[in-house]
Amino acid sequence: MNIIVCVKPVPDPDKYNLLTIDPQTKRLVREGIPTVINPSDKNALEEALRLKDLYGAKVSVISMTPLFSVDKIKQCLAMGADEGFVISDRAFGGADTFSTSYTLMKAIEEIGTPDLILAGNESADGATSHVPVQLAEWMSLPHITNVTVTEAFETKLHVRKKTEEGSVDYEIDLPAVIAVERNSNQPRMITAKGMVSARSKPIRVFAKDDLDVDESLIGLCGSPTQPGELIVPNLKRASQELKGEPEEIAAQIITLIKKSGVAVAV
């Protein structure tokens, strides 16, 4: 069984205060911001590694990300994945979910369609849950979201989908795309042995010219979702110093409130 896991490095939630938006491109400025592996993607990777342990499989991870986040792919290899693929080119920058899923599809075509594609149900920074479903539609593959458990049986997969009422069990033909629910399992820890093993595992980088892409469908220009006007709220407030005894200050406050047009019951 060949499994591909889609992984996205996202800004470290503890560093959200450092995030800014480029006023020209309306894109998040990610340079210099520490990243972590998207939490539900780690659950997807753990599910792939669990299937590998049970049935035997080759597990690859793929990510569309700037090269400064390649260390997160190395973490996936240290967890147990066998190889990594990184899609990185300025031409892919600014992609929305439509363009991202298209680019992922073209890269997977280059690698070779696997038996199973796993992804986190949503990303911590966008949280749209679009990419796994869109990727499956680009590839004309069956897909299920909010999955908590998977079991492989020859050419089929049994999965449990989380619902508002509880859960529903499905049987799905392979190949397929499965979006794994966050906290559906406990991702394994990275060991010293895993870190040493990761050093010899290959990581291949795809640039735009390495993929047979339609340039009208990639990056910011190929994204139907375009940002509108960027408005930064003015959080400054006018202030006035009040002096006097507490009773005098209280009277001044009431006077100011009345001047603002607010009725005051005294």
Protein backbone atom coordinates (compact mmCIF):
# COMPACT_ATOMS: atom_id res chain seq x y z
CA MET A 1 0.00 0.00 0.00
CA ASN A 2 1.27 3.46 -0.91
CA ILE A 3 0.00 6.30 1.27
CA ILE A 4 0.52 10.04 0.77
CA VAL A 5 -0.13 12.40 3.66
CA CYS A 6 -0.70 16.10 2.94
CA VAL A 7 1.03 18.21 5.58
CA LYS A 8 0.94 21.96 6.12
CA PRO A 9 3.32 23.95 8.33
CA VAL A 10 1.26 26.65 10.06
CA PRO A 11 2.29 29.62 12.24
CA ASP A 12 2.98 28.64 15.82
CA PRO A 13 -0.15 29.64 17.80
CA ASP A 14 2.11 30.99 20.55
CA LYS A 15 3.54 33.50 18.02
CA TYR A 16 0.29 34.80 16.50
CA ASN A 17 1.10 38.22 17.95
CA LEU A 18 3.98 38.46 15.46
CA LEU A 19 1.82 37.90 12.38
CA THR A 20 1.29 40.80 10.01
CA ILE A 21 -0.48 41.24 6.69
CA ASP A 22 1.25 42.68 3.64
CA PRO A 23 -0.84 45.76 2.71
CA GLN A 24 -0.14 45.26 -1.00
CA THR A 25 -0.67 41.52 -1.49
CA LYS A 26 -3.08 41.11 1.50
CA ARG A 27 -1.16 37.94 2.36
CA LEU A 28 0.13 36.84 5.76
CA VAL A 29 3.81 37.62 6.17
CA ARG A 30 5.15 34.24 7.27
CA GLU A 31 8.87 34.93 6.99
CA GLY A 32 10.52 34.87 10.40
CA ILE A 33 7.46 33.38 12.12
CA PRO A 34 8.09 29.98 13.75
CA THR A 35 5.91 27.20 12.33
CA VAL A 36 4.53 23.90 13.60
CA ILE A 37 3.00 20.93 11.81
CA ASN A 38 -0.72 21.55 11.45
CA PRO A 39 -2.29 19.59 14.36
CA SER A 40 -4.85 17.57 12.40
CA ASP A 41 -2.18 16.77 9.78
CA LYS A 42 -0.18 15.09 12.56
CA ASN A 43 -3.27 13.00 13.30
CA ALA A 44 -3.45 12.09 9.60
CA LEU A 45 0.23 11.12 9.61
CA GLU A 46 -0.24 9.02 12.72
CA GLU A 47 -3.14 7.21 11.04
CA ALA A 48 -0.92 6.50 8.01
CA LEU A 49 1.87 5.21 10.24
CA ARG A 50 -0.61 3.05 12.14
CA LEU A 51 -1.77 1.49 8.86
CA LYS A 52 1.89 0.98 7.94
CA ASP A 53 2.51 -0.82 11.22
CA LEU A 54 -0.55 -3.04 10.75
CA TYR A 55 -0.47 -3.88 7.07
CA GLY A 56 2.83 -2.65 5.67
CA ALA A 57 2.91 0.49 3.56
CA LYS A 58 5.11 3.17 2.10
CA VAL A 59 4.24 6.53 3.64
CA SER A 60 5.13 9.76 1.84
CA VAL A 61 4.43 13.29 3.01
CA ILE A 62 3.80 16.20 0.68
CA SER A 63 3.55 19.90 1.44
CA MET A 64 3.22 23.14 -0.46
CA THR A 65 5.33 25.44 1.68
CA PRO A 66 8.28 27.85 1.59
CA LEU A 67 11.63 26.14 1.87
CA PHE A 68 12.24 27.60 5.32
CA SER A 69 9.63 25.12 6.63
CA VAL A 70 11.34 22.01 5.25
CA ASP A 71 12.38 21.17 8.82
CA LYS A 72 8.73 20.27 9.50
CA ILE A 73 8.88 17.69 6.71
CA LYS A 74 12.01 16.30 8.36
CA GLN A 75 10.00 15.97 11.58
CA CYS A 76 7.46 13.86 9.68
CA LEU A 77 10.27 11.64 8.43
CA ALA A 78 11.56 11.31 11.99
CA MET A 79 8.09 10.22 13.09
CA GLY A 80 8.24 7.36 10.58
CA ALA A 81 7.36 8.60 7.09
CA ASP A 82 9.58 7.18 4.35
CA GLU A 83 10.04 10.17 2.02
CA GLY A 84 9.02 13.78 1.62
CA PHE A 85 7.95 16.03 -1.24
CA VAL A 86 7.96 19.82 -1.04
CA ILE A 87 6.20 22.09 -3.54
CA SER A 88 7.95 25.44 -3.35
CA ASP A 89 8.07 28.27 -5.87
CA ARG A 90 7.19 31.95 -5.68
CA ALA A 91 4.75 31.29 -8.51
CA PHE A 92 2.63 29.26 -6.05
CA GLY A 93 2.50 32.06 -3.46
CA GLY A 94 -0.85 33.53 -2.44
CA ALA A 95 -2.81 30.43 -3.45
CA ASP A 96 -6.29 29.93 -2.02
CA THR A 97 -7.67 26.45 -1.34
CA PHE A 98 -8.76 26.00 -4.96
CA SER A 99 -5.30 26.73 -6.33
CA THR A 100 -3.55 24.86 -3.51
CA SER A 101 -5.55 21.68 -4.11
CA TYR A 102 -4.90 21.94 -7.86
CA THR A 103 -1.14 22.27 -7.31
CA LEU A 104 -1.13 19.35 -4.86
CA MET A 105 -2.97 17.27 -7.45
CA LYS A 106 -0.38 18.04 -10.14
CA ALA A 107 2.46 17.12 -7.78
CA ILE A 108 0.78 13.84 -6.82
CA GLU A 109 0.34 13.09 -10.52
CA GLU A 110 4.10 13.52 -10.90
CA ILE A 111 4.75 11.17 -7.97
CA GLY A 112 2.13 8.62 -9.01
CA THR A 113 -1.40 8.18 -7.65
CA PRO A 114 -1.19 6.28 -4.33
CA ASP A 115 -3.65 3.81 -2.83
CA LEU A 116 -4.64 6.30 -0.17
CA ILE A 117 -4.30 10.04 0.45
CA LEU A 118 -4.69 11.29 4.01
CA ALA A 119 -4.92 14.88 5.19
CA GLY A 120 -5.92 16.76 8.29
CA ASN A 121 -9.58 17.75 8.33
CA GLU A 122 -8.70 21.45 8.49
CA SER A 123 -5.72 23.76 8.95
CA ALA A 124 -5.16 25.76 12.12
CA ASP A 125 -4.62 29.00 10.19
CA GLY A 126 -7.36 28.78 7.54
CA ALA A 127 -9.77 26.21 9.01
CA THR A 128 -11.82 25.96 5.79
CA SER A 129 -11.70 22.14 5.44
CA HIS A 130 -11.69 22.71 1.67
CA VAL A 131 -8.40 21.22 0.52
CA PRO A 132 -8.98 17.47 1.10
CA VAL A 133 -12.37 17.55 -0.67
CA GLN A 134 -11.13 19.76 -3.51
CA LEU A 135 -8.06 17.55 -3.99
CA ALA A 136 -10.32 14.50 -4.26
CA GLU A 137 -12.54 16.25 -6.80
CA TRP A 138 -9.53 17.27 -8.92
CA MET A 139 -8.43 13.62 -8.90
CA SER A 140 -11.96 12.18 -9.33
CA LEU A 141 -11.53 10.07 -6.19
CA PRO A 142 -14.06 9.19 -3.47
CA HIS A 143 -13.58 11.08 -0.23
CA ILE A 144 -14.82 11.29 3.36
CA THR A 145 -14.19 14.00 5.97
CA ASN A 146 -14.19 14.04 9.80
CA VAL A 147 -12.74 10.53 9.97
CA THR A 148 -11.59 9.20 13.34
CA VAL A 149 -10.71 5.53 12.60
CA THR A 150 -9.49 3.69 9.47
CA GLU A 151 -9.08 -0.01 8.69
CA ALA A 152 -7.75 -1.41 5.42
CA PHE A 153 -9.19 -4.51 3.73
CA GLU A 154 -7.55 -5.33 0.38
CA THR A 155 -8.98 -2.76 -2.08
CA LYS A 156 -11.36 -1.15 0.43
CA LEU A 157 -11.11 1.01 3.50
CA HIS A 158 -13.46 0.96 6.48
CA VAL A 159 -13.69 4.33 8.20
CA ARG A 160 -15.61 5.90 11.06
CA LYS A 161 -16.87 9.43 10.41
CA LYS A 162 -17.63 11.75 13.31
CA THR A 163 -21.06 13.39 13.13
CA GLU A 164 -23.06 15.75 15.33
CA GLU A 165 -25.13 12.80 16.59
CA GLY A 166 -22.19 10.43 17.11
CA SER A 167 -20.52 8.53 14.28
CA VAL A 168 -21.25 6.64 11.04
CA ASP A 169 -19.22 3.74 9.59
CA TYR A 170 -18.49 3.67 5.85
CA GLU A 171 -16.79 1.34 3.40
CA ILE A 172 -14.94 3.17 0.63
CA ASP A 173 -13.12 1.90 -2.46
CA LEU A 174 -9.44 2.67 -2.87
CA PRO A 175 -7.80 4.86 -4.01
CA ALA A 176 -9.52 7.53 -1.93
CA VAL A 177 -8.91 10.76 -0.02
CA ILE A 178 -9.59 10.73 3.72
CA ALA A 179 -9.66 13.83 5.94
CA VAL A 180 -8.72 12.89 9.50
CA GLU A 181 -10.35 14.59 12.49
CA ARG A 182 -8.15 16.44 14.96
CA ASN A 183 -7.52 14.56 18.24
CA SER A 184 -8.67 11.29 16.62
CA ASN A 185 -5.47 9.63 17.84
CA GLN A 186 -2.28 10.38 19.74
CA PRO A 187 0.57 11.22 17.32
CA ARG A 188 3.73 9.34 18.24
CA MET A 189 6.72 11.09 19.71
CA ILE A 190 9.90 11.69 17.74
CA THR A 191 12.70 9.49 19.04
CA ALA A 192 16.47 9.87 18.75
CA LYS A 193 16.49 6.81 16.48
CA GLY A 194 13.83 8.42 14.29
CA MET A 195 15.86 11.63 14.02
CA VAL A 196 18.96 9.70 12.93
CA SER A 197 16.94 7.64 10.43
CA ALA A 198 15.38 10.80 8.94
CA ARG A 199 18.80 12.04 7.82
CA SER A 200 19.00 9.37 5.12
CA LYS A 201 15.42 9.70 3.89
CA PRO A 202 14.90 11.62 0.64
CA ILE A 203 13.12 14.95 0.25
CA ARG A 204 12.34 16.07 -3.29
CA VAL A 205 11.48 19.70 -4.09
CA PHE A 206 9.09 20.56 -6.92
CA ALA A 207 9.33 23.99 -8.53
CA LYS A 208 6.78 25.28 -11.04
CA ASP A 209 8.77 24.02 -14.00
CA ASP A 210 8.87 20.51 -12.54
CA LEU A 211 5.08 20.18 -12.74
CA ASP A 212 2.72 20.19 -15.70
CA VAL A 213 0.59 23.04 -14.36
CA ASP A 214 -1.78 25.46 -16.02
CA GLU A 215 -0.33 28.82 -14.93
CA SER A 216 -3.81 30.36 -14.89
CA LEU A 217 -4.70 28.02 -12.00
CA ILE A 218 -1.74 28.53 -9.66
CA GLY A 219 -0.74 31.11 -7.10
CA LEU A 220 -2.51 34.36 -6.38
CA CYS A 221 -3.60 34.96 -9.99
CA GLY A 222 -5.11 31.48 -10.20
CA SER A 223 -7.11 31.88 -7.00
CA PRO A 224 -10.82 32.76 -7.35
CA THR A 225 -10.86 33.88 -3.71
CA GLN A 226 -9.34 37.36 -3.67
CA PRO A 227 -8.90 39.59 -0.61
CA GLY A 228 -10.85 42.81 -0.41
CA GLU A 229 -9.79 46.12 1.05
CA LEU A 230 -7.57 45.83 4.10
CA ILE A 231 -8.79 48.03 6.96
CA VAL A 232 -6.74 48.37 10.11
CA PRO A 233 -8.93 49.56 13.00
CA ASN A 234 -7.77 52.57 14.97
CA LEU A 235 -7.64 51.38 18.56
CA LYS A 236 -6.61 54.74 19.98
CA ARG A 237 -9.08 56.42 22.33
CA ALA A 238 -9.47 60.05 23.35
CA SER A 239 -8.76 60.63 27.02
CA GLN A 240 -9.34 63.39 29.50
CA GLU A 241 -7.78 63.67 32.93
CA LEU A 242 -10.21 64.40 35.73
CA LYS A 243 -8.94 66.00 38.93
CA GLY A 244 -10.46 66.64 42.31
CA GLU A 245 -11.95 64.71 45.18
CA PRO A 246 -13.76 61.44 44.41
CA GLU A 247 -17.17 63.13 44.69
CA GLU A 248 -16.08 65.92 42.32
CA ILE A 249 -14.70 63.42 39.80
CA ALA A 250 -17.94 61.42 39.95
CA ALA A 251 -19.93 64.59 39.20
CA GLN A 252 -17.64 65.39 36.25
CA ILE A 253 -18.12 61.86 34.87
CA ILE A 254 -21.91 62.18 35.04
CA THR A 255 -21.72 65.56 33.27
CA LEU A 256 -19.62 64.09 30.49
CA ILE A 257 -21.98 61.14 30.09
CA LYS A 258 -24.98 63.46 29.82
CA LYS A 259 -23.18 65.58 27.21
CA SER A 260 -22.71 62.42 25.13
CA GLY A 261 -26.49 61.99 24.98
CA VAL A 262 -26.74 59.03 27.33
CA ALA A 263 -29.57 59.21 29.85
CA VAL A 264 -28.32 58.97 33.42
CA ALA A 265 -30.47 57.95 36.38
CA VAL A 266 -29.25 59.79 39.49
